Amino acid sequence: MLKLTRTILSPSDPNTQHMIRGAIGSARKTERLRKDVYRLFNIHAACKAQETQDSQPRKTSTISSILENAPSNTFLDLLPRNLLKPTIIETGDASKEVKDKINDLLKRGQYNLVLNALISWSEAHTADEFQELLSPREFSYVMEKLVNRQAWVYRAMGTENVIKDDYSPLTPLALEAKDFRNGIRRIYSNLLFGGDKSQHIYHKDKRGSLGDVHYDLTVRDFENLIQLELQNCKMDLASKWYQRFEQKYPDNGHYLRMSYNLWLLRFYVYGNAESRNWKVDGTLTNRGRRDRKRSMFLSHAHWLELFNEFAKNQHLMLGNSQFSFEKSSILAVMGAMSHSKDKAQICKFIEGVWGIDGKGRLQKKIPQDDPRYPDVDILSTIVVSLIYNDQTVKAMVYLNAFQEHYNIELGKDSKQLWDMVFDWAEFLTRFSEERSLQFFLRNTDTKVGGKLNPSLSKAKSSPNFDYEGFLTFLADLQNHRTRLMDELWTCYKESGSVLSTRAYLSRFLVLRDAKDENGLFEFLKEITLELRFQLLPEDAFNHKMLINSSKRLRVLYERAVRTLIDFKGEAGELELIEVVVRKWAIDAEMKTSLENYALENFSRFEAKRKEREESKLMKEQEEEDEKFLGLMV
């Protein structure tokens, strides 16, 4: 880069004239780029307006606090004040105007405009031209905002799918998440390969290496790309960027350039520290499987292997010979530790860092100004880690102990804790009759006719099978599940947390599986009260967010009413279905939907009724036959 000097240059000097022409040419080019960018913004804004008039597009909620409270504290907010000063020549502040425009769009939540403009801009101009308006550092921060937005949309999509118990790739949220993911990849591809649309960062010919590129990725760019793939459960693609980082700085040179965030992301990629990505292949009493990863990834590492690598090399980046934990590193290491199923080490870690033993007793309290001082996020990780490792009782002990000894208030900021705790607690306490039977037979060493996995009806016909004992076992499983979820529900309601639709969903699933009709009716009343609470004036600051929450609660409410219709229909109480619909439908739209559901399932209910009547007649006939045989004897 040119540096200004105190040398006095003569206007007639050829070198001076050359420099002036170059500066003027640069200013013209920058001005042309500024016009191009504004044209793109205007085109996309016009398209957006036209779409609104023509087709009423999907609406998405934005949370302004994502911009205001992000870890980077909105780097773009600083740009107009101290980072946009021309370094060589005054150019009419074209660069500043563009950055101010981007900043304004991000603050107003118009991420789509920024994304589409950057896609078009990166296709039309070289990397060098691109950098005349956005430096690599500034660009990486803008991309970070887009990556964060994609993460928010992706999580919202997941919540919506779970509440509806359905997945469609064509929902507004699913389409938006896909558009952002592909758009971010496209922007980086354009910069790296000179806008060549035939080239892509994930093409087959790029598997071994990116080859010659037109843009020098910064460490922050690598963080953005790893985070993008990680939040979309594409662990193989996330790890690919670590491989490319090592290729860029060979002979272990990457250790000298690893940022703190890159180190922590390694725990999430290779140690699978993110609880949302944890895999469950079924439990001893349930075949239910969970694996949200969307690709084959075989490079997982034990948490201790990752930590040893980190401890050995972190001084190259931090300059400290001894590493000290703080919140972000605690969350990463504990998450990887939990995924590695190291139960003993989890408890040792808790006692070693916060001085609380396995019985919830405080041995030594750390001061409040200690960077390791626990908060709701740390407590959430502790509780979920223990539940995931089949330590639900101990999880409740720690939940209470940390609140008591460290005064952690589970108030409005505890939504994420309840989301994760209810999600995992409900899933891991599920049980099926079939799987529970196999577990019971193995543990009682019962052989049933040489069958490896006999059905319950087959097992009941065997004199070796303790049917009453099995029913008691099922009742114990149900009681354990119900007690745990009831306790969590009570804690959640008393905490004053903002609405957690995951908590309500888990509550519904437990009541449904237990076939608890009275519980479901009470549940409908609770949702009704919550829906009334969500009715705020349109000018309320969180009006849009509450609209989305209300929609999810409404979907869940209708699912609960449909479940009651199923219960009545399967019990043969067909005449009560109309009563349930009339009494519990919120409005005419829901009433029509519920009536249609009942009609669609009427044949199934009727078949169940006939089957029950036939079974009853058969049983009565068997009893009559037994009486007749008794008389003959």
Foldseek 3Di string as FASTA:
>chain_A
DDADDPDDDDPVDPVNVVVVVVVVVLLVLLLVLLVLLVVLLVVVVVVVVVCCVPPNDDDDDDDLCCCCVPPVRNPLVCCVPPPQDDRPDDNVSSLVVSSVVLSVCVNVVVLVSVLRSLLVSLLVDALVSVCSNPPLVRVLSSLLSLLVVLLVLVVLQVLLCLLLVHDDCPDNSNVVSVCSLVSSQSSVQSHFAVNPPVTGCPDPVPQVHVPHGRDDHALSNLLSQLSSCLSQLALVRSVSSVVHLCVVQDPPRSLLVQDPSNLLSCLCRQLVLDPQQAWDCADLFGRDTDGSRPDDDDRHDQLVVSVVVCLVRVCSHVVDNGDDDADSNLSSSLSSNLSNLVVVVLQVVCCVQANAHLQLDRDDGDDPPRRHQDELVNLLSSLLSCLSNVNNVSSVSSNVSCCVPRVHACAAPNLVSLLRNLVSLLVVLDGDLQSLVLSVCVVVVFDQPPDNRDDPVSLVVDPRHDPVVSVVVVVVSLVVSVVSLVVSLVCVVVRNYPDHVSNLSSQLVSCLVVVPPVSLVVSLVVLVVVLVVLDDDPPDPCNVVSVSVNVSSLSSSLVSLLSVLVVCLLVVVNVCNLVSLVPRQPDPVSSVVSVVSSVVCNVVSVVSVVVVVVVVVVVVVVVVVVVVVVVVD
